[in-house]
Amino acid sequence: MKQTTRFGLKYTFADKELKQSRESSGPARAVEETAVKAQQAASDPGFSAEIQESLQQVLGELDNLIGLAKVKELAREIRAFVEICRRRERFQLKNESLVLHMIFKGNPGTGKTTVARILGKMLAELKVLPKGHLVEVERADLVGEYIGHTAQKCREQLKKAMGGILFIDEAYSLARGGAKDFGKEAIDTLVKAMEDHKNEIILILAGYEGEMEKFLRTNPGLRSRFPIHLHFPDYSCDELIEIAQLMVRERQYRLSVGAAEYLRHYLQQQLDASRPNFSNARLVRNLIERAIRRQALRLVDRRIYTRDDLIMLLREDFIQPEEEEAIIHIWQTE
């Protein structure tokens, strides 16, 4: 009987110690589990390895563009925001919806359309947009010729762009015209679509900086609907030469030393002239394509030529018609 009693007392004491140990370790274990979950969430970006690889490719495509530091910074901000939102969801934290309607301001050839296309692909990979494709339109695609026609044309373009980006070039032209112009109706239709389909479509309005500022002032409520305003500055001469070298390499050509020197001199002259709507990379592309055509004309009647002849663009291939006339005039007067 005594042994049984001692055994009962000993068992009760041990059980009590075990219970106290479990109770005291409960909060510590909960803290430890929370820390582990937090560490796992921090190390998990919220996307599969395949999506991460695709995102790196898209961002690499953006990084390969010359200049555009602010645009590249914005792309990384958007990506970081979306990833953090995914992590917050795991902890049942609130997330703000991301409004990404944008205004692109800058001269032609500064990369506005190219950037819009890359952003569309990135947002599709991030699952912010269902498709991420780009539909590029202008005034003629949106503004009708009679009552009811404008709304119909706008709806057609919005339907094409649904799930992606509707890119409206020279958007300021929508505000041109008198009181009877249907441009205002187009703006109203687009603004309504931005609210009704805010998770399915992104609008980007693009155009010259001065013209876009005037356009935004015509409708006071328009500016606030586009939280992201990006300025696309003109390229420097060094950046334009870099763009030229890139374009030439992509076409499997090379610039001779004389051609590169001439091109730099000519582009610097154009920049110094401070023309209001300097066409930047578009001008470079036109110069290179013209030089390629002139090289073809120079070589087409040759019977003997080398691989280097077919690749090399010479100074004479770039000389502008007005300069040729000046050179001929000098020769004739001498």
C-alpha atoms as a PDB file:
ATOM      1  CA  MET A   1       0.000   0.000   0.000  1.00  0.00           C
ATOM      2  CA  LYS A   2       2.834   2.438   0.855  1.00  0.00           C
ATOM      3  CA  GLN A   3       4.671   1.602  -2.336  1.00  0.00           C
ATOM      4  CA  THR A   4       1.539   2.253  -4.334  1.00  0.00           C
ATOM      5  CA  THR A   5       1.064   5.603  -2.615  1.00  0.00           C
ATOM      6  CA  ARG A   6       4.696   6.623  -3.186  1.00  0.00           C
ATOM      7  CA  PHE A   7       4.381   5.614  -6.854  1.00  0.00           C
ATOM      8  CA  GLY A   8       1.184   7.686  -7.173  1.00  0.00           C
ATOM      9  CA  LEU A   9       2.825  10.742  -5.625  1.00  0.00           C
ATOM     10  CA  LYS A  10       5.948  10.368  -7.778  1.00  0.00           C
ATOM     11  CA  TYR A  11       3.849  10.019 -10.978  1.00  0.00           C
ATOM     12  CA  THR A  12       1.727  13.080 -10.091  1.00  0.00           C
ATOM     13  CA  PHE A  13       4.832  15.193  -9.490  1.00  0.00           C
ATOM     14  CA  ALA A  14       6.455  14.128 -12.771  1.00  0.00           C
ATOM     15  CA  ASP A  15       3.255  14.762 -14.700  1.00  0.00           C
ATOM     16  CA  LYS A  16       2.965  18.219 -13.178  1.00  0.00           C
ATOM     17  CA  GLU A  17       6.591  19.045 -14.175  1.00  0.00           C
ATOM     18  CA  LEU A  18       5.943  17.882 -17.749  1.00  0.00           C
ATOM     19  CA  LYS A  19       2.752  19.970 -17.979  1.00  0.00           C
ATOM     20  CA  GLN A  20       4.550  23.090 -16.665  1.00  0.00           C
ATOM     21  CA  SER A  21       7.370  22.518 -19.141  1.00  0.00           C
ATOM     22  CA  ARG A  22       4.905  22.308 -22.039  1.00  0.00           C
ATOM     23  CA  GLU A  23       3.044  25.414 -20.891  1.00  0.00           C
ATOM     24  CA  SER A  24       6.233  27.445 -20.512  1.00  0.00           C
ATOM     25  CA  SER A  25       7.621  26.343 -23.895  1.00  0.00           C
ATOM     26  CA  GLY A  26       4.336  27.111 -25.737  1.00  0.00           C
ATOM     27  CA  PRO A  27       4.899  30.867 -26.288  1.00  0.00           C
ATOM     28  CA  ALA A  28       8.558  30.303 -27.135  1.00  0.00           C
ATOM     29  CA  ARG A  29       7.632  27.649 -29.688  1.00  0.00           C
ATOM     30  CA  ALA A  30       4.994  29.962 -31.216  1.00  0.00           C
ATOM     31  CA  VAL A  31       7.586  32.748 -31.539  1.00  0.00           C
ATOM     32  CA  GLU A  32      10.030  30.312 -33.112  1.00  0.00           C
ATOM     33  CA  GLU A  33       7.430  29.074 -35.616  1.00  0.00           C
ATOM     34  CA  THR A  34       6.525  32.665 -36.537  1.00  0.00           C
ATOM     35  CA  ALA A  35      10.209  33.466 -37.092  1.00  0.00           C
ATOM     36  CA  VAL A  36      10.598  30.411 -39.331  1.00  0.00           C
ATOM     37  CA  LYS A  37       7.533  31.398 -41.370  1.00  0.00           C
ATOM     38  CA  ALA A  38       8.845  34.954 -41.697  1.00  0.00           C
ATOM     39  CA  GLN A  39      12.229  33.638 -42.860  1.00  0.00           C
ATOM     40  CA  GLN A  40      10.549  31.361 -45.405  1.00  0.00           C
ATOM     41  CA  ALA A  41       8.381  34.236 -46.696  1.00  0.00           C
ATOM     42  CA  ALA A  42      11.392  36.513 -46.986  1.00  0.00           C
ATOM     43  CA  SER A  43      13.379  33.936 -48.951  1.00  0.00           C
ATOM     44  CA  ASP A  44      10.429  33.094 -51.216  1.00  0.00           C
ATOM     45  CA  PRO A  45       9.853  35.851 -53.800  1.00  0.00           C
ATOM     46  CA  GLY A  46       6.333  34.652 -54.519  1.00  0.00           C
ATOM     47  CA  PHE A  47       7.053  33.518 -58.081  1.00  0.00           C
ATOM     48  CA  SER A  48       8.156  30.250 -59.594  1.00  0.00           C
ATOM     49  CA  ALA A  49      11.681  29.795 -60.940  1.00  0.00           C
ATOM     50  CA  GLU A  50      10.296  29.900 -64.474  1.00  0.00           C
ATOM     51  CA  ILE A  51       8.560  33.254 -63.882  1.00  0.00           C
ATOM     52  CA  GLN A  52      11.689  34.625 -62.201  1.00  0.00           C
ATOM     53  CA  GLU A  53      13.733  33.676 -65.267  1.00  0.00           C
ATOM     54  CA  SER A  54      11.206  35.292 -67.609  1.00  0.00           C
ATOM     55  CA  LEU A  55      11.223  38.459 -65.495  1.00  0.00           C
ATOM     56  CA  GLN A  56      15.017  38.591 -65.656  1.00  0.00           C
ATOM     57  CA  GLN A  57      14.855  38.334 -69.447  1.00  0.00           C
ATOM     58  CA  VAL A  58      12.315  41.160 -69.680  1.00  0.00           C
ATOM     59  CA  LEU A  59      14.300  43.386 -67.321  1.00  0.00           C
ATOM     60  CA  GLY A  60      17.448  42.498 -69.267  1.00  0.00           C
ATOM     61  CA  GLU A  61      15.696  43.719 -72.419  1.00  0.00           C
ATOM     62  CA  LEU A  62      14.967  46.992 -70.615  1.00  0.00           C
ATOM     63  CA  ASP A  63      18.534  47.283 -69.320  1.00  0.00           C
ATOM     64  CA  ASN A  64      19.860  46.889 -72.860  1.00  0.00           C
ATOM     65  CA  LEU A  65      18.132  50.126 -73.865  1.00  0.00           C
ATOM     66  CA  ILE A  66      20.454  53.126 -73.934  1.00  0.00           C
ATOM     67  CA  GLY A  67      19.845  55.679 -71.146  1.00  0.00           C
ATOM     68  CA  LEU A  68      16.328  55.834 -69.614  1.00  0.00           C
ATOM     69  CA  ALA A  69      17.505  55.551 -65.989  1.00  0.00           C
ATOM     70  CA  LYS A  70      14.161  56.773 -64.549  1.00  0.00           C
ATOM     71  CA  VAL A  71      12.197  54.245 -66.603  1.00  0.00           C
ATOM     72  CA  LYS A  72      14.408  51.369 -65.437  1.00  0.00           C
ATOM     73  CA  GLU A  73      14.016  52.537 -61.832  1.00  0.00           C
ATOM     74  CA  LEU A  74      10.209  52.576 -62.209  1.00  0.00           C
ATOM     75  CA  ALA A  75      10.179  49.030 -63.616  1.00  0.00           C
ATOM     76  CA  ARG A  76      12.080  47.750 -60.598  1.00  0.00           C
ATOM     77  CA  GLU A  77       9.791  49.651 -58.211  1.00  0.00           C
ATOM     78  CA  ILE A  78       6.730  48.015 -59.781  1.00  0.00           C
ATOM     79  CA  ARG A  79       8.283  44.568 -59.616  1.00  0.00           C
ATOM     80  CA  ALA A  80       9.311  45.039 -55.963  1.00  0.00           C
ATOM     81  CA  PHE A  81       5.836  46.316 -55.025  1.00  0.00           C
ATOM     82  CA  VAL A  82       4.084  43.319 -56.580  1.00  0.00           C
ATOM     83  CA  GLU A  83       6.437  40.851 -54.900  1.00  0.00           C
ATOM     84  CA  ILE A  84       5.967  42.474 -51.487  1.00  0.00           C
ATOM     85  CA  CYS A  85       2.185  42.398 -51.969  1.00  0.00           C
ATOM     86  CA  ARG A  86       2.408  38.634 -52.506  1.00  0.00           C
ATOM     87  CA  ARG A  87       4.393  38.235 -49.302  1.00  0.00           C
ATOM     88  CA  ARG A  88       1.947  40.412 -47.330  1.00  0.00           C
ATOM     89  CA  GLU A  89      -0.907  38.166 -48.464  1.00  0.00           C
ATOM     90  CA  ARG A  90       0.723  35.228 -46.657  1.00  0.00           C
ATOM     91  CA  PHE A  91       0.411  37.148 -43.385  1.00  0.00           C
ATOM     92  CA  GLN A  92      -3.164  38.287 -44.150  1.00  0.00           C
ATOM     93  CA  LEU A  93      -2.026  41.923 -44.397  1.00  0.00           C
ATOM     94  CA  LYS A  94      -3.927  44.510 -46.426  1.00  0.00           C
ATOM     95  CA  ASN A  95      -2.694  45.468 -49.899  1.00  0.00           C
ATOM     96  CA  GLU A  96      -3.401  48.623 -51.856  1.00  0.00           C
ATOM     97  CA  SER A  97      -4.414  48.180 -55.488  1.00  0.00           C
ATOM     98  CA  LEU A  98      -1.744  49.380 -57.915  1.00  0.00           C
ATOM     99  CA  VAL A  99      -2.888  52.079 -60.369  1.00  0.00           C
ATOM    100  CA  LEU A 100      -0.495  52.121 -63.327  1.00  0.00           C
ATOM    101  CA  HIS A 101      -2.020  54.479 -65.885  1.00  0.00           C
ATOM    102  CA  MET A 102       0.869  56.571 -67.243  1.00  0.00           C
ATOM    103  CA  ILE A 103       1.819  59.734 -69.103  1.00  0.00           C
ATOM    104  CA  PHE A 104       4.920  59.520 -71.335  1.00  0.00           C
ATOM    105  CA  LYS A 105       6.358  62.907 -72.315  1.00  0.00           C
ATOM    106  CA  GLY A 106       9.211  63.413 -74.753  1.00  0.00           C
ATOM    107  CA  ASN A 107      10.365  63.964 -78.308  1.00  0.00           C
ATOM    108  CA  PRO A 108      10.096  61.284 -81.019  1.00  0.00           C
ATOM    109  CA  GLY A 109      12.640  58.463 -80.988  1.00  0.00           C
ATOM    110  CA  THR A 110      13.217  58.529 -77.210  1.00  0.00           C
ATOM    111  CA  GLY A 111      11.911  54.981 -76.667  1.00  0.00           C
ATOM    112  CA  LYS A 112       8.340  55.596 -75.466  1.00  0.00           C
ATOM    113  CA  THR A 113       6.668  52.863 -77.528  1.00  0.00           C
ATOM    114  CA  THR A 114       9.496  50.384 -76.904  1.00  0.00           C
ATOM    115  CA  VAL A 115       9.303  50.943 -73.139  1.00  0.00           C
ATOM    116  CA  ALA A 116       5.505  50.538 -73.153  1.00  0.00           C
ATOM    117  CA  ARG A 117       5.862  47.190 -74.933  1.00  0.00           C
ATOM    118  CA  ILE A 118       8.465  45.934 -72.433  1.00  0.00           C
ATOM    119  CA  LEU A 119       6.388  47.101 -69.442  1.00  0.00           C
ATOM    120  CA  GLY A 120       3.410  45.185 -70.851  1.00  0.00           C
ATOM    121  CA  LYS A 121       5.454  41.972 -70.969  1.00  0.00           C
ATOM    122  CA  MET A 122       6.742  42.541 -67.442  1.00  0.00           C
ATOM    123  CA  LEU A 123       3.258  43.179 -66.020  1.00  0.00           C
ATOM    124  CA  ALA A 124       1.969  40.030 -67.709  1.00  0.00           C
ATOM    125  CA  GLU A 125       4.745  37.981 -66.065  1.00  0.00           C
ATOM    126  CA  LEU A 126       3.886  39.573 -62.715  1.00  0.00           C
ATOM    127  CA  LYS A 127       0.195  38.667 -63.268  1.00  0.00           C
ATOM    128  CA  VAL A 128      -0.776  42.326 -62.937  1.00  0.00           C
ATOM    129  CA  LEU A 129      -2.179  42.164 -66.479  1.00  0.00           C
ATOM    130  CA  PRO A 130      -3.803  39.043 -67.964  1.00  0.00           C
ATOM    131  CA  LYS A 131      -2.028  39.368 -71.359  1.00  0.00           C
ATOM    132  CA  GLY A 132       0.311  42.344 -71.433  1.00  0.00           C
ATOM    133  CA  HIS A 133       0.078  43.016 -75.175  1.00  0.00           C
ATOM    134  CA  LEU A 134       0.336  46.551 -76.595  1.00  0.00           C
ATOM    135  CA  VAL A 135      -2.280  48.208 -78.802  1.00  0.00           C
ATOM    136  CA  GLU A 136      -0.961  51.459 -80.291  1.00  0.00           C
ATOM    137  CA  VAL A 137      -3.535  53.998 -81.502  1.00  0.00           C
ATOM    138  CA  GLU A 138      -3.815  57.664 -82.453  1.00  0.00           C
ATOM    139  CA  ARG A 139      -6.617  60.207 -82.780  1.00  0.00           C
ATOM    140  CA  ALA A 140      -7.984  58.776 -86.040  1.00  0.00           C
ATOM    141  CA  ASP A 141      -8.490  55.378 -84.375  1.00  0.00           C
ATOM    142  CA  LEU A 142     -10.588  56.864 -81.552  1.00  0.00           C
ATOM    143  CA  VAL A 143     -12.458  59.926 -82.800  1.00  0.00           C
ATOM    144  CA  GLY A 144     -15.496  59.403 -85.032  1.00  0.00           C
ATOM    145  CA  GLU A 145     -17.151  61.581 -87.645  1.00  0.00           C
ATOM    146  CA  TYR A 146     -20.694  61.657 -86.334  1.00  0.00           C
ATOM    147  CA  ILE A 147     -22.651  61.302 -83.071  1.00  0.00           C
ATOM    148  CA  GLY A 148     -22.192  57.863 -81.521  1.00  0.00           C
ATOM    149  CA  HIS A 149     -19.306  56.944 -83.822  1.00  0.00           C
ATOM    150  CA  THR A 150     -16.582  57.995 -81.358  1.00  0.00           C
ATOM    151  CA  ALA A 151     -17.879  55.821 -78.493  1.00  0.00           C
ATOM    152  CA  GLN A 152     -18.092  52.878 -80.882  1.00  0.00           C
ATOM    153  CA  LYS A 153     -14.510  53.349 -82.126  1.00  0.00           C
ATOM    154  CA  CYS A 154     -13.207  53.747 -78.565  1.00  0.00           C
ATOM    155  CA  ARG A 155     -14.957  50.576 -77.414  1.00  0.00           C
ATOM    156  CA  GLU A 156     -13.445  48.647 -80.330  1.00  0.00           C
ATOM    157  CA  GLN A 157      -9.906  49.742 -79.419  1.00  0.00           C
ATOM    158  CA  LEU A 158     -10.496  49.119 -75.712  1.00  0.00           C
ATOM    159  CA  LYS A 159     -11.724  45.617 -76.509  1.00  0.00           C
ATOM    160  CA  LYS A 160      -8.540  44.925 -78.505  1.00  0.00           C
ATOM    161  CA  ALA A 161      -6.380  46.224 -75.652  1.00  0.00           C
ATOM    162  CA  MET A 162      -8.272  44.490 -72.824  1.00  0.00           C
ATOM    163  CA  GLY A 163      -5.818  42.524 -70.707  1.00  0.00           C
ATOM    164  CA  GLY A 164      -2.920  44.698 -71.884  1.00  0.00           C
ATOM    165  CA  ILE A 165      -1.899  48.292 -72.597  1.00  0.00           C
ATOM    166  CA  LEU A 166      -3.672  50.868 -74.747  1.00  0.00           C
ATOM    167  CA  PHE A 167      -0.952  53.242 -75.947  1.00  0.00           C
ATOM    168  CA  ILE A 168      -2.295  56.526 -77.350  1.00  0.00           C
ATOM    169  CA  ASP A 169       0.370  58.391 -79.302  1.00  0.00           C
ATOM    170  CA  GLU A 170       0.056  62.174 -79.675  1.00  0.00           C
ATOM    171  CA  ALA A 171      -2.762  62.002 -77.136  1.00  0.00           C
ATOM    172  CA  TYR A 172      -2.962  65.812 -76.957  1.00  0.00           C
ATOM    173  CA  SER A 173      -4.617  65.760 -80.399  1.00  0.00           C
ATOM    174  CA  LEU A 174      -7.785  64.454 -78.697  1.00  0.00           C
ATOM    175  CA  ALA A 175      -8.304  67.917 -77.193  1.00  0.00           C
ATOM    176  CA  ARG A 176      -7.905  69.765 -80.486  1.00  0.00           C
ATOM    177  CA  GLY A 177     -10.868  71.160 -82.367  1.00  0.00           C
ATOM    178  CA  GLY A 178     -13.799  73.313 -81.448  1.00  0.00           C
ATOM    179  CA  ALA A 179     -16.887  72.724 -79.344  1.00  0.00           C
ATOM    180  CA  LYS A 180     -18.331  70.354 -81.953  1.00  0.00           C
ATOM    181  CA  ASP A 181     -15.241  68.156 -82.048  1.00  0.00           C
ATOM    182  CA  PHE A 182     -15.707  64.563 -80.819  1.00  0.00           C
ATOM    183  CA  GLY A 183     -12.289  64.378 -79.120  1.00  0.00           C
ATOM    184  CA  LYS A 184     -13.786  65.229 -75.728  1.00  0.00           C
ATOM    185  CA  GLU A 185     -16.207  62.319 -76.076  1.00  0.00           C
ATOM    186  CA  ALA A 186     -13.230  60.016 -76.707  1.00  0.00           C
ATOM    187  CA  ILE A 187     -11.528  61.275 -73.535  1.00  0.00           C
ATOM    188  CA  ASP A 188     -14.684  60.727 -71.476  1.00  0.00           C
ATOM    189  CA  THR A 189     -15.105  57.185 -72.853  1.00  0.00           C
ATOM    190  CA  LEU A 190     -11.492  56.319 -72.048  1.00  0.00           C
ATOM    191  CA  VAL A 191     -11.705  57.744 -68.525  1.00  0.00           C
ATOM    192  CA  LYS A 192     -14.817  55.662 -67.815  1.00  0.00           C
ATOM    193  CA  ALA A 193     -13.060  52.521 -69.083  1.00  0.00           C
ATOM    194  CA  MET A 194     -10.122  53.243 -66.764  1.00  0.00           C
ATOM    195  CA  GLU A 195     -12.489  53.084 -63.794  1.00  0.00           C
ATOM    196  CA  ASP A 196     -14.638  50.170 -64.979  1.00  0.00           C
ATOM    197  CA  HIS A 197     -11.705  47.941 -65.994  1.00  0.00           C
ATOM    198  CA  LYS A 198      -8.902  49.182 -63.743  1.00  0.00           C
ATOM    199  CA  ASN A 199      -7.520  45.657 -63.198  1.00  0.00           C
ATOM    200  CA  GLU A 200      -7.768  44.631 -66.840  1.00  0.00           C
ATOM    201  CA  ILE A 201      -6.236  47.471 -68.828  1.00  0.00           C
ATOM    202  CA  ILE A 202      -3.595  50.191 -68.518  1.00  0.00           C
ATOM    203  CA  LEU A 203      -3.743  53.442 -70.475  1.00  0.00           C
ATOM    204  CA  ILE A 204      -0.568  55.228 -71.536  1.00  0.00           C
ATOM    205  CA  LEU A 205      -0.895  58.692 -73.065  1.00  0.00           C
ATOM    206  CA  ALA A 206       2.198  59.799 -74.978  1.00  0.00           C
ATOM    207  CA  GLY A 207       3.356  62.912 -76.800  1.00  0.00           C
ATOM    208  CA  TYR A 208       5.636  65.952 -76.860  1.00  0.00           C
ATOM    209  CA  GLU A 209       6.212  67.371 -73.381  1.00  0.00           C
ATOM    210  CA  GLY A 210       4.856  70.878 -74.008  1.00  0.00           C
ATOM    211  CA  GLU A 211       1.801  69.632 -75.868  1.00  0.00           C
ATOM    212  CA  MET A 212       1.018  67.047 -73.176  1.00  0.00           C
ATOM    213  CA  GLU A 213       1.173  69.682 -70.435  1.00  0.00           C
ATOM    214  CA  LYS A 214      -1.325  71.851 -72.331  1.00  0.00           C
ATOM    215  CA  PHE A 215      -3.540  68.813 -72.869  1.00  0.00           C
ATOM    216  CA  LEU A 216      -3.600  67.945 -69.162  1.00  0.00           C
ATOM    217  CA  ARG A 217      -4.541  71.520 -68.287  1.00  0.00           C
ATOM    218  CA  THR A 218      -7.638  71.330 -70.528  1.00  0.00           C
ATOM    219  CA  ASN A 219      -9.132  68.697 -68.222  1.00  0.00           C
ATOM    220  CA  PRO A 220      -8.257  69.305 -64.533  1.00  0.00           C
ATOM    221  CA  GLY A 221      -9.343  65.823 -63.431  1.00  0.00           C
ATOM    222  CA  LEU A 222      -7.235  64.053 -66.027  1.00  0.00           C
ATOM    223  CA  ARG A 223      -3.812  64.520 -64.416  1.00  0.00           C
ATOM    224  CA  SER A 224      -4.792  62.828 -61.143  1.00  0.00           C
ATOM    225  CA  ARG A 225      -6.031  59.735 -62.995  1.00  0.00           C
ATOM    226  CA  PHE A 226      -2.511  59.134 -64.292  1.00  0.00           C
ATOM    227  CA  PRO A 227      -0.289  58.758 -61.203  1.00  0.00           C
ATOM    228  CA  ILE A 228       2.876  57.954 -63.182  1.00  0.00           C
ATOM    229  CA  HIS A 229       4.425  60.708 -65.318  1.00  0.00           C
ATOM    230  CA  LEU A 230       7.635  59.800 -67.106  1.00  0.00           C
ATOM    231  CA  HIS A 231       9.855  62.246 -68.962  1.00  0.00           C
ATOM    232  CA  PHE A 232      11.875  60.783 -71.840  1.00  0.00           C
ATOM    233  CA  PRO A 233      14.808  63.192 -72.338  1.00  0.00           C
ATOM    234  CA  ASP A 234      16.642  63.692 -75.610  1.00  0.00           C
ATOM    235  CA  TYR A 235      19.698  61.470 -75.962  1.00  0.00           C
ATOM    236  CA  SER A 236      23.187  62.918 -75.707  1.00  0.00           C
ATOM    237  CA  CYS A 237      25.573  62.659 -78.659  1.00  0.00           C
ATOM    238  CA  ASP A 238      27.445  59.777 -76.980  1.00  0.00           C
ATOM    239  CA  GLU A 239      24.177  57.917 -76.420  1.00  0.00           C
ATOM    240  CA  LEU A 240      23.122  58.449 -80.039  1.00  0.00           C
ATOM    241  CA  ILE A 241      26.458  57.050 -81.257  1.00  0.00           C
ATOM    242  CA  GLU A 242      25.975  54.069 -78.955  1.00  0.00           C
ATOM    243  CA  ILE A 243      22.488  53.548 -80.421  1.00  0.00           C
ATOM    244  CA  ALA A 244      23.952  53.806 -83.931  1.00  0.00           C
ATOM    245  CA  GLN A 245      26.601  51.174 -83.171  1.00  0.00           C
ATOM    246  CA  LEU A 246      23.910  48.884 -81.750  1.00  0.00           C
ATOM    247  CA  MET A 247      21.673  49.296 -84.814  1.00  0.00           C
ATOM    248  CA  VAL A 248      24.600  48.655 -87.150  1.00  0.00           C
ATOM    249  CA  ARG A 249      25.634  45.480 -85.281  1.00  0.00           C
ATOM    250  CA  GLU A 250      22.078  44.135 -85.333  1.00  0.00           C
ATOM    251  CA  ARG A 251      22.090  44.496 -89.136  1.00  0.00           C
ATOM    252  CA  GLN A 252      25.559  42.895 -89.416  1.00  0.00           C
ATOM    253  CA  TYR A 253      27.303  46.032 -90.653  1.00  0.00           C
ATOM    254  CA  ARG A 254      30.201  48.082 -89.281  1.00  0.00           C
ATOM    255  CA  LEU A 255      31.066  51.764 -89.304  1.00  0.00           C
ATOM    256  CA  SER A 256      34.431  52.768 -90.705  1.00  0.00           C
ATOM    257  CA  VAL A 257      36.473  55.243 -88.668  1.00  0.00           C
ATOM    258  CA  GLY A 258      35.549  57.994 -91.110  1.00  0.00           C
ATOM    259  CA  ALA A 259      31.839  57.092 -90.991  1.00  0.00           C
ATOM    260  CA  ALA A 260      31.816  57.121 -87.162  1.00  0.00           C
ATOM    261  CA  GLU A 261      33.580  60.507 -87.084  1.00  0.00           C
ATOM    262  CA  TYR A 262      31.184  61.977 -89.635  1.00  0.00           C
ATOM    263  CA  LEU A 263      28.142  60.609 -87.801  1.00  0.00           C
ATOM    264  CA  ARG A 264      29.294  62.057 -84.469  1.00  0.00           C
ATOM    265  CA  HIS A 265      29.944  65.458 -86.050  1.00  0.00           C
ATOM    266  CA  TYR A 266      26.582  65.488 -87.842  1.00  0.00           C
ATOM    267  CA  LEU A 267      24.579  64.431 -84.752  1.00  0.00           C
ATOM    268  CA  GLN A 268      26.322  67.023 -82.567  1.00  0.00           C
ATOM    269  CA  GLN A 269      25.382  69.687 -85.124  1.00  0.00           C
ATOM    270  CA  GLN A 270      21.747  68.596 -84.947  1.00  0.00           C
ATOM    271  CA  LEU A 271      21.778  68.695 -81.139  1.00  0.00           C
ATOM    272  CA  ASP A 272      23.422  72.122 -81.082  1.00  0.00           C
ATOM    273  CA  ALA A 273      20.696  73.427 -83.400  1.00  0.00           C
ATOM    274  CA  SER A 274      18.213  72.783 -80.519  1.00  0.00           C
ATOM    275  CA  ARG A 275      15.316  71.934 -82.783  1.00  0.00           C
ATOM    276  CA  PRO A 276      12.092  71.669 -80.714  1.00  0.00           C
ATOM    277  CA  ASN A 277      11.086  68.194 -81.936  1.00  0.00           C
ATOM    278  CA  PHE A 278      14.459  66.509 -82.435  1.00  0.00           C
ATOM    279  CA  SER A 279      13.794  62.904 -83.500  1.00  0.00           C
ATOM    280  CA  ASN A 280      16.655  61.216 -81.568  1.00  0.00           C
ATOM    281  CA  ALA A 281      16.975  57.467 -82.291  1.00  0.00           C
ATOM    282  CA  ARG A 282      14.529  57.809 -85.187  1.00  0.00           C
ATOM    283  CA  LEU A 283      16.977  60.163 -86.905  1.00  0.00           C
ATOM    284  CA  VAL A 284      19.833  57.706 -86.270  1.00  0.00           C
ATOM    285  CA  ARG A 285      17.811  54.839 -87.755  1.00  0.00           C
ATOM    286  CA  ASN A 286      16.967  56.891 -90.846  1.00  0.00           C
ATOM    287  CA  LEU A 287      20.624  57.840 -91.332  1.00  0.00           C
ATOM    288  CA  ILE A 288      21.780  54.234 -91.060  1.00  0.00           C
ATOM    289  CA  GLU A 289      19.088  52.873 -93.368  1.00  0.00           C
ATOM    290  CA  ARG A 290      19.938  55.537 -95.954  1.00  0.00           C
ATOM    291  CA  ALA A 291      23.660  54.712 -95.647  1.00  0.00           C
ATOM    292  CA  ILE A 292      22.899  51.015 -96.195  1.00  0.00           C
ATOM    293  CA  ARG A 293      20.961  51.844 -99.366  1.00  0.00           C
ATOM    294  CA  ARG A 294      23.789  54.062-100.614  1.00  0.00           C
ATOM    295  CA  GLN A 295      26.360  51.359 -99.843  1.00  0.00           C
ATOM    296  CA  ALA A 296      24.277  48.931-101.908  1.00  0.00           C
ATOM    297  CA  LEU A 297      24.247  51.410-104.794  1.00  0.00           C
ATOM    298  CA  ARG A 298      28.011  51.832-104.476  1.00  0.00           C
ATOM    299  CA  LEU A 299      28.686  48.077-104.612  1.00  0.00           C
ATOM    300  CA  VAL A 300      25.997  46.727-106.925  1.00  0.00           C
ATOM    301  CA  ASP A 301      28.009  47.094-110.174  1.00  0.00           C
ATOM    302  CA  ARG A 302      31.237  45.702-108.754  1.00  0.00           C
ATOM    303  CA  ARG A 303      32.340  42.318-110.023  1.00  0.00           C
ATOM    304  CA  ILE A 304      35.013  41.841-107.368  1.00  0.00           C
ATOM    305  CA  TYR A 305      34.196  42.426-103.704  1.00  0.00           C
ATOM    306  CA  THR A 306      34.992  40.966-100.281  1.00  0.00           C
ATOM    307  CA  ARG A 307      32.992  40.166 -97.189  1.00  0.00           C
ATOM    308  CA  ASP A 308      34.363  43.324 -95.563  1.00  0.00           C
ATOM    309  CA  ASP A 309      33.111  45.383 -98.506  1.00  0.00           C
ATOM    310  CA  LEU A 310      29.575  44.088 -97.842  1.00  0.00           C
ATOM    311  CA  ILE A 311      29.840  44.868 -94.133  1.00  0.00           C
ATOM    312  CA  MET A 312      31.595  48.235 -94.024  1.00  0.00           C
ATOM    313  CA  LEU A 313      29.700  51.540 -94.158  1.00  0.00           C
ATOM    314  CA  LEU A 314      31.959  54.364 -95.294  1.00  0.00           C
ATOM    315  CA  ARG A 315      31.895  58.088 -94.687  1.00  0.00           C
ATOM    316  CA  GLU A 316      30.655  58.702 -98.240  1.00  0.00           C
ATOM    317  CA  ASP A 317      27.583  56.549 -97.510  1.00  0.00           C
ATOM    318  CA  PHE A 318      26.499  58.985 -94.791  1.00  0.00           C
ATOM    319  CA  ILE A 319      27.151  62.345 -96.437  1.00  0.00           C
ATOM    320  CA  GLN A 320      23.871  64.249 -96.726  1.00  0.00           C
ATOM    321  CA  PRO A 321      22.519  65.501-100.101  1.00  0.00           C
ATOM    322  CA  GLU A 322      22.920  69.177 -99.131  1.00  0.00           C
ATOM    323  CA  GLU A 323      26.563  68.527 -98.222  1.00  0.00           C
ATOM    324  CA  GLU A 324      27.141  66.742-101.523  1.00  0.00           C
ATOM    325  CA  GLU A 325      25.810  69.793-103.358  1.00  0.00           C
ATOM    326  CA  ALA A 326      28.123  72.058-101.344  1.00  0.00           C
ATOM    327  CA  ILE A 327      31.138  69.837-102.125  1.00  0.00           C
ATOM    328  CA  ILE A 328      30.264  69.759-105.857  1.00  0.00           C
ATOM    329  CA  HIS A 329      29.863  73.546-105.850  1.00  0.00           C
ATOM    330  CA  ILE A 330      33.332  73.974-104.286  1.00  0.00           C
ATOM    331  CA  TRP A 331      34.871  71.669-106.897  1.00  0.00           C
ATOM    332  CA  GLN A 332      33.166  73.583-109.725  1.00  0.00           C
ATOM    333  CA  THR A 333      34.315  76.992-108.465  1.00  0.00           C
ATOM    334  CA  GLU A 334      37.877  75.815-108.073  1.00  0.00           C
END
